[in-house]
Amino acid sequence: MRAGYTLGMPDQTLVHATPPAAATSRSLRQQFWALLCLACELTRGALILWLLFPRLGREEQGRQVQRWAKRMLLILRIEVRCDRVPAPAGASLVVSNHISWLDVLVIQSVLPGVFVAKAEVQRWPVIGKLSRASGTIFVDRLSPRSTRQMVERAALALQQGHCVAGFPEGTSSDGAEVAAFHANLFDAAVKAGVDVQPLALSYVHGQTGRRHDAAAFTGSDSLLSSMRKVLAADMLSGRVQLGERMVTAGQTRKSLALQSHQYIREQVLRCERSAWSH
């Protein structure tokens, strides 16, 4: 499968649930070459963040991040399809279901912005340093103080015109379901008075349309083992579905969380069932 981007993915008729497609493998030579290319691109990304970023405006920073994310996905041979051409994100809170470390690359390739991530990401080799340099907002979800600081920092970034993205589930899943959303992140949008953009993510087999099991990064996986699965997999496609933006005026963080969860869960279950119609 040729990696790339498709905007305007057609809707699909849905029937009933389907098991995930088994991951097909790429050769060891292909995996090794992809690993070398990833190392080069990570180095290039670090140089951009440390040398170029401080001299760029917010919009140009976003474009640089978007280009870099697309290059990373191209190396991984992950095709990204979005159901419609996204409007410029501007100051908005993007919320998504959470499946994989790939989610950040996929979302940045569509709507670049500042991410909210769990504190453990800071300790990941290379990625932790890149995340800090890109302005990622870290949060320890078990600490009320850290959560309050996250809300304040996210609200400030939104007030400064940034797009802020995060995963209100607070944990990743295999992509078959969507856990309840925590409302804390939505408080930042309410404080800043910006719209909320719900975004539904799924990873499917490029030919069958069935959920691809290589992308899922759950508690039983290490980052290294997950990367190995992704590097070995073929025909891996990321699907992005954008809901209508929600105005925060007159709403509470809980109502925004419930509405976002409802839309995203409906789309995820729809994608989960869609392969049976083909």
C-alpha atoms as a PDB file:
ATOM      1  CA  MET A   1       0.000   0.000   0.000  1.00  0.00           C
ATOM      2  CA  ARG A   2       1.265   3.457  -0.814  1.00  0.00           C
ATOM      3  CA  ALA A   3       1.196   5.762   2.174  1.00  0.00           C
ATOM      4  CA  GLY A   4      -0.485   9.100   1.727  1.00  0.00           C
ATOM      5  CA  TYR A   5      -3.468  11.259   2.557  1.00  0.00           C
ATOM      6  CA  THR A   6      -7.053  11.208   1.415  1.00  0.00           C
ATOM      7  CA  LEU A   7      -9.450  13.988   2.371  1.00  0.00           C
ATOM      8  CA  GLY A   8     -13.155  13.406   1.912  1.00  0.00           C
ATOM      9  CA  MET A   9     -13.460   9.740   2.875  1.00  0.00           C
ATOM     10  CA  PRO A  10     -16.948   8.473   1.869  1.00  0.00           C
ATOM     11  CA  ASP A  11     -19.315   7.319   4.568  1.00  0.00           C
ATOM     12  CA  GLN A  12     -20.020   3.600   4.771  1.00  0.00           C
ATOM     13  CA  THR A  13     -23.129   1.533   5.384  1.00  0.00           C
ATOM     14  CA  LEU A  14     -22.845  -0.388   8.646  1.00  0.00           C
ATOM     15  CA  VAL A  15     -24.020  -3.803   9.621  1.00  0.00           C
ATOM     16  CA  HIS A  16     -22.427  -5.520  12.646  1.00  0.00           C
ATOM     17  CA  ALA A  17     -19.152  -5.964  14.500  1.00  0.00           C
ATOM     18  CA  THR A  18     -16.086  -7.542  12.960  1.00  0.00           C
ATOM     19  CA  PRO A  19     -12.920  -9.010  14.458  1.00  0.00           C
ATOM     20  CA  PRO A  20      -9.635  -7.209  13.810  1.00  0.00           C
ATOM     21  CA  ALA A  21      -7.590  -8.089  10.777  1.00  0.00           C
ATOM     22  CA  ALA A  22      -4.369  -9.926  11.520  1.00  0.00           C
ATOM     23  CA  ALA A  23      -1.218  -7.936  10.915  1.00  0.00           C
ATOM     24  CA  THR A  24       0.625  -8.849   7.734  1.00  0.00           C
ATOM     25  CA  SER A  25       4.389  -8.582   7.859  1.00  0.00           C
ATOM     26  CA  ARG A  26       7.029  -6.609   6.051  1.00  0.00           C
ATOM     27  CA  SER A  27      10.436  -8.148   5.471  1.00  0.00           C
ATOM     28  CA  LEU A  28      13.242  -7.675   7.992  1.00  0.00           C
ATOM     29  CA  ARG A  29      15.126  -5.668   5.402  1.00  0.00           C
ATOM     30  CA  GLN A  30      12.174  -3.293   4.989  1.00  0.00           C
ATOM     31  CA  GLN A  31      11.830  -2.959   8.759  1.00  0.00           C
ATOM     32  CA  PHE A  32      15.539  -2.204   9.182  1.00  0.00           C
ATOM     33  CA  TRP A  33      15.438   0.434   6.442  1.00  0.00           C
ATOM     34  CA  ALA A  34      12.356   2.043   8.013  1.00  0.00           C
ATOM     35  CA  LEU A  35      14.118   2.102  11.392  1.00  0.00           C
ATOM     36  CA  LEU A  36      17.121   3.909   9.906  1.00  0.00           C
ATOM     37  CA  CYS A  37      14.849   6.431   8.197  1.00  0.00           C
ATOM     38  CA  LEU A  38      12.957   7.005  11.456  1.00  0.00           C
ATOM     39  CA  ALA A  39      16.218   7.684  13.283  1.00  0.00           C
ATOM     40  CA  CYS A  40      17.190  10.237  10.645  1.00  0.00           C
ATOM     41  CA  GLU A  41      13.784  11.904  10.757  1.00  0.00           C
ATOM     42  CA  LEU A  42      13.797  12.068  14.559  1.00  0.00           C
ATOM     43  CA  THR A  43      17.202  13.753  14.386  1.00  0.00           C
ATOM     44  CA  ARG A  44      15.883  16.170  11.791  1.00  0.00           C
ATOM     45  CA  GLY A  45      12.864  16.896  13.988  1.00  0.00           C
ATOM     46  CA  ALA A  46      15.097  17.618  16.971  1.00  0.00           C
ATOM     47  CA  LEU A  47      17.150  20.095  14.936  1.00  0.00           C
ATOM     48  CA  ILE A  48      13.986  21.854  13.764  1.00  0.00           C
ATOM     49  CA  LEU A  49      12.682  22.154  17.334  1.00  0.00           C
ATOM     50  CA  TRP A  50      15.903  23.354  18.904  1.00  0.00           C
ATOM     51  CA  LEU A  51      17.302  25.554  16.133  1.00  0.00           C
ATOM     52  CA  LEU A  52      14.403  26.736  13.977  1.00  0.00           C
ATOM     53  CA  PHE A  53      11.318  26.773  16.242  1.00  0.00           C
ATOM     54  CA  PRO A  54      12.351  29.698  18.471  1.00  0.00           C
ATOM     55  CA  ARG A  55      12.540  31.967  15.403  1.00  0.00           C
ATOM     56  CA  LEU A  56       9.148  31.002  13.936  1.00  0.00           C
ATOM     57  CA  GLY A  57       5.657  32.340  14.510  1.00  0.00           C
ATOM     58  CA  ARG A  58       2.831  30.122  15.759  1.00  0.00           C
ATOM     59  CA  GLU A  59       1.381  29.353  12.308  1.00  0.00           C
ATOM     60  CA  GLU A  60       4.732  28.455  10.778  1.00  0.00           C
ATOM     61  CA  GLN A  61       5.536  26.274  13.767  1.00  0.00           C
ATOM     62  CA  GLY A  62       2.292  24.412  13.104  1.00  0.00           C
ATOM     63  CA  ARG A  63       3.183  23.906   9.455  1.00  0.00           C
ATOM     64  CA  GLN A  64       6.613  22.569  10.385  1.00  0.00           C
ATOM     65  CA  VAL A  65       5.066  20.099  12.846  1.00  0.00           C
ATOM     66  CA  GLN A  66       2.491  19.011  10.265  1.00  0.00           C
ATOM     67  CA  ARG A  67       5.161  18.374   7.612  1.00  0.00           C
ATOM     68  CA  TRP A  68       7.271  16.418  10.076  1.00  0.00           C
ATOM     69  CA  ALA A  69       4.332  14.242  11.172  1.00  0.00           C
ATOM     70  CA  LYS A  70       3.502  13.445   7.543  1.00  0.00           C
ATOM     71  CA  ARG A  71       7.114  12.453   6.873  1.00  0.00           C
ATOM     72  CA  MET A  72       7.115  10.134   9.888  1.00  0.00           C
ATOM     73  CA  LEU A  73       3.881   8.477   8.749  1.00  0.00           C
ATOM     74  CA  LEU A  74       5.258   8.125   5.228  1.00  0.00           C
ATOM     75  CA  ILE A  75       8.302   6.277   6.588  1.00  0.00           C
ATOM     76  CA  LEU A  76       6.007   4.025   8.630  1.00  0.00           C
ATOM     77  CA  ARG A  77       3.894   3.505   5.474  1.00  0.00           C
ATOM     78  CA  ILE A  78       0.710   4.515   7.260  1.00  0.00           C
ATOM     79  CA  GLU A  79      -1.955   5.972   5.026  1.00  0.00           C
ATOM     80  CA  VAL A  80      -4.161   8.637   6.613  1.00  0.00           C
ATOM     81  CA  ARG A  81      -7.694   9.294   5.423  1.00  0.00           C
ATOM     82  CA  CYS A  82      -9.824  12.148   6.711  1.00  0.00           C
ATOM     83  CA  ASP A  83     -13.569  12.284   6.043  1.00  0.00           C
ATOM     84  CA  ARG A  84     -13.426  15.956   5.069  1.00  0.00           C
ATOM     85  CA  VAL A  85     -10.983  18.772   4.574  1.00  0.00           C
ATOM     86  CA  PRO A  86     -10.388  20.228   8.047  1.00  0.00           C
ATOM     87  CA  ALA A  87     -10.877  23.918   8.637  1.00  0.00           C
ATOM     88  CA  PRO A  88      -7.860  25.703  10.117  1.00  0.00           C
ATOM     89  CA  ALA A  89      -7.833  24.692  13.762  1.00  0.00           C
ATOM     90  CA  GLY A  90      -6.863  28.045  15.251  1.00  0.00           C
ATOM     91  CA  ALA A  91      -7.651  28.356  18.933  1.00  0.00           C
ATOM     92  CA  SER A  92      -9.676  25.202  19.581  1.00  0.00           C
ATOM     93  CA  LEU A  93      -9.576  22.125  21.784  1.00  0.00           C
ATOM     94  CA  VAL A  94      -9.265  18.897  19.768  1.00  0.00           C
ATOM     95  CA  VAL A  95     -10.377  15.789  21.671  1.00  0.00           C
ATOM     96  CA  SER A  96      -9.980  12.235  20.423  1.00  0.00           C
ATOM     97  CA  ASN A  97     -10.204   8.620  21.470  1.00  0.00           C
ATOM     98  CA  HIS A  98      -6.806   7.115  22.267  1.00  0.00           C
ATOM     99  CA  ILE A  99      -5.398   3.953  20.671  1.00  0.00           C
ATOM    100  CA  SER A 100      -1.689   4.381  20.079  1.00  0.00           C
ATOM    101  CA  TRP A 101       1.403   6.574  20.233  1.00  0.00           C
ATOM    102  CA  LEU A 102       0.667   6.927  16.516  1.00  0.00           C
ATOM    103  CA  ASP A 103      -2.372   9.062  17.400  1.00  0.00           C
ATOM    104  CA  VAL A 104      -0.210  12.126  17.947  1.00  0.00           C
ATOM    105  CA  LEU A 105       1.387  11.807  14.492  1.00  0.00           C
ATOM    106  CA  VAL A 106      -1.980  11.249  12.804  1.00  0.00           C
ATOM    107  CA  ILE A 107      -3.659  14.203  14.516  1.00  0.00           C
ATOM    108  CA  GLN A 108      -0.661  16.481  13.965  1.00  0.00           C
ATOM    109  CA  SER A 109      -0.762  15.612  10.259  1.00  0.00           C
ATOM    110  CA  VAL A 110      -4.368  16.855  10.093  1.00  0.00           C
ATOM    111  CA  LEU A 111      -4.669  19.517  12.829  1.00  0.00           C
ATOM    112  CA  PRO A 112      -1.245  20.493  14.178  1.00  0.00           C
ATOM    113  CA  GLY A 113      -1.100  21.919  17.668  1.00  0.00           C
ATOM    114  CA  VAL A 114       0.059  21.568  21.270  1.00  0.00           C
ATOM    115  CA  PHE A 115      -0.628  18.205  22.909  1.00  0.00           C
ATOM    116  CA  VAL A 116      -1.591  17.242  26.424  1.00  0.00           C
ATOM    117  CA  ALA A 117       0.176  13.996  27.379  1.00  0.00           C
ATOM    118  CA  LYS A 118       0.634  11.782  30.396  1.00  0.00           C
ATOM    119  CA  ALA A 119       3.718  12.521  32.500  1.00  0.00           C
ATOM    120  CA  GLU A 120       5.333   9.157  31.641  1.00  0.00           C
ATOM    121  CA  VAL A 121       5.945  10.318  28.070  1.00  0.00           C
ATOM    122  CA  GLN A 122       8.682  12.612  29.407  1.00  0.00           C
ATOM    123  CA  ARG A 123      10.708   9.499  30.260  1.00  0.00           C
ATOM    124  CA  TRP A 124      10.463   7.906  26.820  1.00  0.00           C
ATOM    125  CA  PRO A 125      13.824   7.812  25.001  1.00  0.00           C
ATOM    126  CA  VAL A 126      14.167  10.605  22.400  1.00  0.00           C
ATOM    127  CA  ILE A 127      10.399  11.128  22.181  1.00  0.00           C
ATOM    128  CA  GLY A 128      10.326  12.613  25.683  1.00  0.00           C
ATOM    129  CA  LYS A 129      12.864  15.290  24.769  1.00  0.00           C
ATOM    130  CA  LEU A 130      11.102  16.049  21.489  1.00  0.00           C
ATOM    131  CA  SER A 131       7.783  16.363  23.310  1.00  0.00           C
ATOM    132  CA  ARG A 132       9.184  18.824  25.827  1.00  0.00           C
ATOM    133  CA  ALA A 133      10.822  20.892  23.088  1.00  0.00           C
ATOM    134  CA  SER A 134       7.545  21.083  21.135  1.00  0.00           C
ATOM    135  CA  GLY A 135       5.673  22.551  24.111  1.00  0.00           C
ATOM    136  CA  THR A 136       3.728  19.446  25.164  1.00  0.00           C
ATOM    137  CA  ILE A 137       1.691  19.944  28.334  1.00  0.00           C
ATOM    138  CA  PHE A 138       2.308  17.025  30.708  1.00  0.00           C
ATOM    139  CA  VAL A 139      -0.086  15.856  33.384  1.00  0.00           C
ATOM    140  CA  ASP A 140      -0.029  13.288  36.171  1.00  0.00           C
ATOM    141  CA  ARG A 141      -3.670  12.264  36.232  1.00  0.00           C
ATOM    142  CA  LEU A 142      -3.337  10.868  39.757  1.00  0.00           C
ATOM    143  CA  SER A 143      -2.308  14.276  41.072  1.00  0.00           C
ATOM    144  CA  PRO A 144      -5.052  16.903  41.529  1.00  0.00           C
ATOM    145  CA  ARG A 145      -2.386  19.620  41.589  1.00  0.00           C
ATOM    146  CA  SER A 146      -0.878  18.440  38.296  1.00  0.00           C
ATOM    147  CA  THR A 147      -4.350  18.281  36.753  1.00  0.00           C
ATOM    148  CA  ARG A 148      -5.111  21.869  37.803  1.00  0.00           C
ATOM    149  CA  GLN A 149      -1.792  23.017  36.341  1.00  0.00           C
ATOM    150  CA  MET A 150      -2.580  21.192  33.092  1.00  0.00           C
ATOM    151  CA  VAL A 151      -5.922  22.986  32.800  1.00  0.00           C
ATOM    152  CA  GLU A 152      -4.309  26.375  33.409  1.00  0.00           C
ATOM    153  CA  ARG A 153      -1.505  25.762  30.895  1.00  0.00           C
ATOM    154  CA  ALA A 154      -3.906  24.436  28.273  1.00  0.00           C
ATOM    155  CA  ALA A 155      -6.238  27.415  28.758  1.00  0.00           C
ATOM    156  CA  LEU A 156      -3.282  29.807  28.400  1.00  0.00           C
ATOM    157  CA  ALA A 157      -2.168  28.101  25.163  1.00  0.00           C
ATOM    158  CA  LEU A 158      -5.717  28.369  23.817  1.00  0.00           C
ATOM    159  CA  GLN A 159      -5.896  32.050  24.747  1.00  0.00           C
ATOM    160  CA  GLN A 160      -2.640  32.575  22.860  1.00  0.00           C
ATOM    161  CA  GLY A 161      -4.265  31.170  19.720  1.00  0.00           C
ATOM    162  CA  HIS A 162      -2.893  27.630  19.762  1.00  0.00           C
ATOM    163  CA  CYS A 163      -4.803  24.489  18.874  1.00  0.00           C
ATOM    164  CA  VAL A 164      -4.582  22.166  21.902  1.00  0.00           C
ATOM    165  CA  ALA A 165      -5.229  18.427  21.546  1.00  0.00           C
ATOM    166  CA  GLY A 166      -5.691  15.679  24.104  1.00  0.00           C
ATOM    167  CA  PHE A 167      -7.219  12.326  24.962  1.00  0.00           C
ATOM    168  CA  PRO A 168      -9.970  12.616  27.607  1.00  0.00           C
ATOM    169  CA  GLU A 169     -10.118   8.833  28.142  1.00  0.00           C
ATOM    170  CA  GLY A 170      -6.834   9.126  30.015  1.00  0.00           C
ATOM    171  CA  THR A 171      -5.655   5.753  28.700  1.00  0.00           C
ATOM    172  CA  SER A 172      -5.347   3.893  25.405  1.00  0.00           C
ATOM    173  CA  SER A 173      -7.426   0.964  24.148  1.00  0.00           C
ATOM    174  CA  ASP A 174      -7.470  -1.547  21.296  1.00  0.00           C
ATOM    175  CA  GLY A 175      -9.786   0.763  19.359  1.00  0.00           C
ATOM    176  CA  ALA A 176     -12.923  -1.378  19.608  1.00  0.00           C
ATOM    177  CA  GLU A 177     -14.591   0.834  22.234  1.00  0.00           C
ATOM    178  CA  VAL A 178     -14.279   4.276  23.812  1.00  0.00           C
ATOM    179  CA  ALA A 179     -14.042   4.628  27.582  1.00  0.00           C
ATOM    180  CA  ALA A 180     -15.816   7.426  29.442  1.00  0.00           C
ATOM    181  CA  PHE A 181     -14.239  10.870  29.073  1.00  0.00           C
ATOM    182  CA  HIS A 182     -12.755  12.765  31.995  1.00  0.00           C
ATOM    183  CA  ALA A 183     -14.084  16.327  32.036  1.00  0.00           C
ATOM    184  CA  ASN A 184     -10.944  18.117  33.279  1.00  0.00           C
ATOM    185  CA  LEU A 185      -9.489  18.835  29.840  1.00  0.00           C
ATOM    186  CA  PHE A 186     -12.738  20.474  28.706  1.00  0.00           C
ATOM    187  CA  ASP A 187     -12.409  22.975  31.538  1.00  0.00           C
ATOM    188  CA  ALA A 188      -9.541  24.574  29.583  1.00  0.00           C
ATOM    189  CA  ALA A 189     -11.840  25.226  26.608  1.00  0.00           C
ATOM    190  CA  VAL A 190     -14.528  26.698  28.878  1.00  0.00           C
ATOM    191  CA  LYS A 191     -11.999  28.987  30.581  1.00  0.00           C
ATOM    192  CA  ALA A 192     -10.558  30.143  27.253  1.00  0.00           C
ATOM    193  CA  GLY A 193     -13.966  30.421  25.537  1.00  0.00           C
ATOM    194  CA  VAL A 194     -12.938  28.405  22.473  1.00  0.00           C
ATOM    195  CA  ASP A 195     -14.680  25.709  20.442  1.00  0.00           C
ATOM    196  CA  VAL A 196     -14.237  21.971  20.996  1.00  0.00           C
ATOM    197  CA  GLN A 197     -13.434  19.816  17.946  1.00  0.00           C
ATOM    198  CA  PRO A 198     -14.269  16.119  18.464  1.00  0.00           C
ATOM    199  CA  LEU A 199     -12.178  13.730  16.368  1.00  0.00           C
ATOM    200  CA  ALA A 200     -12.718   9.986  16.007  1.00  0.00           C
ATOM    201  CA  LEU A 201      -9.684   7.814  15.257  1.00  0.00           C
ATOM    202  CA  SER A 202      -9.458   4.254  14.000  1.00  0.00           C
ATOM    203  CA  TYR A 203      -6.769   2.067  12.459  1.00  0.00           C
ATOM    204  CA  VAL A 204      -7.876  -0.360   9.797  1.00  0.00           C
ATOM    205  CA  HIS A 205      -6.491  -2.726   7.202  1.00  0.00           C
ATOM    206  CA  GLY A 206      -6.125  -0.789   3.943  1.00  0.00           C
ATOM    207  CA  GLN A 207      -7.866  -3.484   1.873  1.00  0.00           C
ATOM    208  CA  THR A 208     -10.429  -5.093   4.166  1.00  0.00           C
ATOM    209  CA  GLY A 209     -11.371  -2.057   6.253  1.00  0.00           C
ATOM    210  CA  ARG A 210     -11.223  -4.169   9.413  1.00  0.00           C
ATOM    211  CA  ARG A 211      -9.621  -2.901  12.589  1.00  0.00           C
ATOM    212  CA  HIS A 212      -5.863  -3.432  12.400  1.00  0.00           C
ATOM    213  CA  ASP A 213      -4.420  -4.975  15.557  1.00  0.00           C
ATOM    214  CA  ALA A 214      -0.870  -3.681  14.994  1.00  0.00           C
ATOM    215  CA  ALA A 215      -1.636  -0.100  16.026  1.00  0.00           C
ATOM    216  CA  ALA A 216      -3.037  -0.686  19.515  1.00  0.00           C
ATOM    217  CA  PHE A 217      -0.699   0.359  22.339  1.00  0.00           C
ATOM    218  CA  THR A 218      -2.220  -0.912  25.581  1.00  0.00           C
ATOM    219  CA  GLY A 219      -0.940  -1.504  29.091  1.00  0.00           C
ATOM    220  CA  SER A 220       0.531  -4.886  28.195  1.00  0.00           C
ATOM    221  CA  ASP A 221       2.856  -3.378  25.553  1.00  0.00           C
ATOM    222  CA  SER A 222       6.156  -1.597  25.932  1.00  0.00           C
ATOM    223  CA  LEU A 223       6.912   1.261  23.552  1.00  0.00           C
ATOM    224  CA  LEU A 224       9.619  -0.848  21.901  1.00  0.00           C
ATOM    225  CA  SER A 225       7.342  -3.853  21.336  1.00  0.00           C
ATOM    226  CA  SER A 226       4.612  -1.582  19.964  1.00  0.00           C
ATOM    227  CA  MET A 227       7.048   0.052  17.545  1.00  0.00           C
ATOM    228  CA  ARG A 228       8.158  -3.385  16.361  1.00  0.00           C
ATOM    229  CA  LYS A 229       4.544  -4.323  15.617  1.00  0.00           C
ATOM    230  CA  VAL A 230       3.989  -1.150  13.640  1.00  0.00           C
ATOM    231  CA  LEU A 231       7.236  -1.532  11.695  1.00  0.00           C
ATOM    232  CA  ALA A 232       6.360  -5.124  10.832  1.00  0.00           C
ATOM    233  CA  ALA A 233       2.782  -4.369   9.788  1.00  0.00           C
ATOM    234  CA  ASP A 234       1.619  -3.617   6.289  1.00  0.00           C
ATOM    235  CA  MET A 235      -1.618  -2.143   4.928  1.00  0.00           C
ATOM    236  CA  LEU A 236      -2.086  -0.007   8.054  1.00  0.00           C
ATOM    237  CA  SER A 237      -4.437   2.914   7.503  1.00  0.00           C
ATOM    238  CA  GLY A 238      -5.473   5.630   9.946  1.00  0.00           C
ATOM    239  CA  ARG A 239      -9.027   6.941   9.600  1.00  0.00           C
ATOM    240  CA  VAL A 240      -9.964  10.384  10.927  1.00  0.00           C
ATOM    241  CA  GLN A 241     -13.555  11.557  11.275  1.00  0.00           C
ATOM    242  CA  LEU A 242     -14.219  15.135  12.317  1.00  0.00           C
ATOM    243  CA  GLY A 243     -17.388  16.079  14.141  1.00  0.00           C
ATOM    244  CA  GLU A 244     -19.015  19.486  14.159  1.00  0.00           C
ATOM    245  CA  ARG A 245     -17.289  22.004  16.392  1.00  0.00           C
ATOM    246  CA  MET A 246     -19.046  22.642  19.670  1.00  0.00           C
ATOM    247  CA  VAL A 247     -19.373  26.158  21.049  1.00  0.00           C
ATOM    248  CA  THR A 248     -18.529  26.289  24.757  1.00  0.00           C
ATOM    249  CA  ALA A 249     -20.752  29.272  25.610  1.00  0.00           C
ATOM    250  CA  GLY A 250     -23.576  28.145  27.876  1.00  0.00           C
ATOM    251  CA  GLN A 251     -22.081  24.683  28.387  1.00  0.00           C
ATOM    252  CA  THR A 252     -20.222  23.004  31.222  1.00  0.00           C
ATOM    253  CA  ARG A 253     -17.132  20.843  30.995  1.00  0.00           C
ATOM    254  CA  LYS A 254     -19.293  17.794  31.757  1.00  0.00           C
ATOM    255  CA  SER A 255     -21.809  18.495  28.993  1.00  0.00           C
ATOM    256  CA  LEU A 256     -18.968  19.012  26.508  1.00  0.00           C
ATOM    257  CA  ALA A 257     -17.336  15.758  27.614  1.00  0.00           C
ATOM    258  CA  LEU A 258     -20.596  13.823  27.215  1.00  0.00           C
ATOM    259  CA  GLN A 259     -21.358  15.230  23.750  1.00  0.00           C
ATOM    260  CA  SER A 260     -17.824  14.631  22.507  1.00  0.00           C
ATOM    261  CA  HIS A 261     -17.826  11.082  23.860  1.00  0.00           C
ATOM    262  CA  GLN A 262     -21.167  10.330  22.240  1.00  0.00           C
ATOM    263  CA  TYR A 263     -20.028  11.472  18.791  1.00  0.00           C
ATOM    264  CA  ILE A 264     -16.639   9.756  18.924  1.00  0.00           C
ATOM    265  CA  ARG A 265     -18.034   6.490  20.275  1.00  0.00           C
ATOM    266  CA  GLU A 266     -20.705   6.378  17.564  1.00  0.00           C
ATOM    267  CA  GLN A 267     -18.064   6.835  14.858  1.00  0.00           C
ATOM    268  CA  VAL A 268     -15.709   4.247  16.338  1.00  0.00           C
ATOM    269  CA  LEU A 269     -18.464   1.642  16.581  1.00  0.00           C
ATOM    270  CA  ARG A 270     -19.549   2.493  13.044  1.00  0.00           C
ATOM    271  CA  CYS A 271     -16.030   1.912  11.750  1.00  0.00           C
ATOM    272  CA  GLU A 272     -15.818  -1.305  13.772  1.00  0.00           C
ATOM    273  CA  ARG A 273     -18.879  -2.658  11.974  1.00  0.00           C
ATOM    274  CA  SER A 274     -18.326  -1.261   8.514  1.00  0.00           C
ATOM    275  CA  ALA A 275     -16.136  -4.011   6.998  1.00  0.00           C
ATOM    276  CA  TRP A 276     -19.101  -6.403   6.851  1.00  0.00           C
ATOM    277  CA  SER A 277     -20.806  -4.208   4.251  1.00  0.00           C
ATOM    278  CA  HIS A 278     -18.020  -4.797   1.701  1.00  0.00           C
END
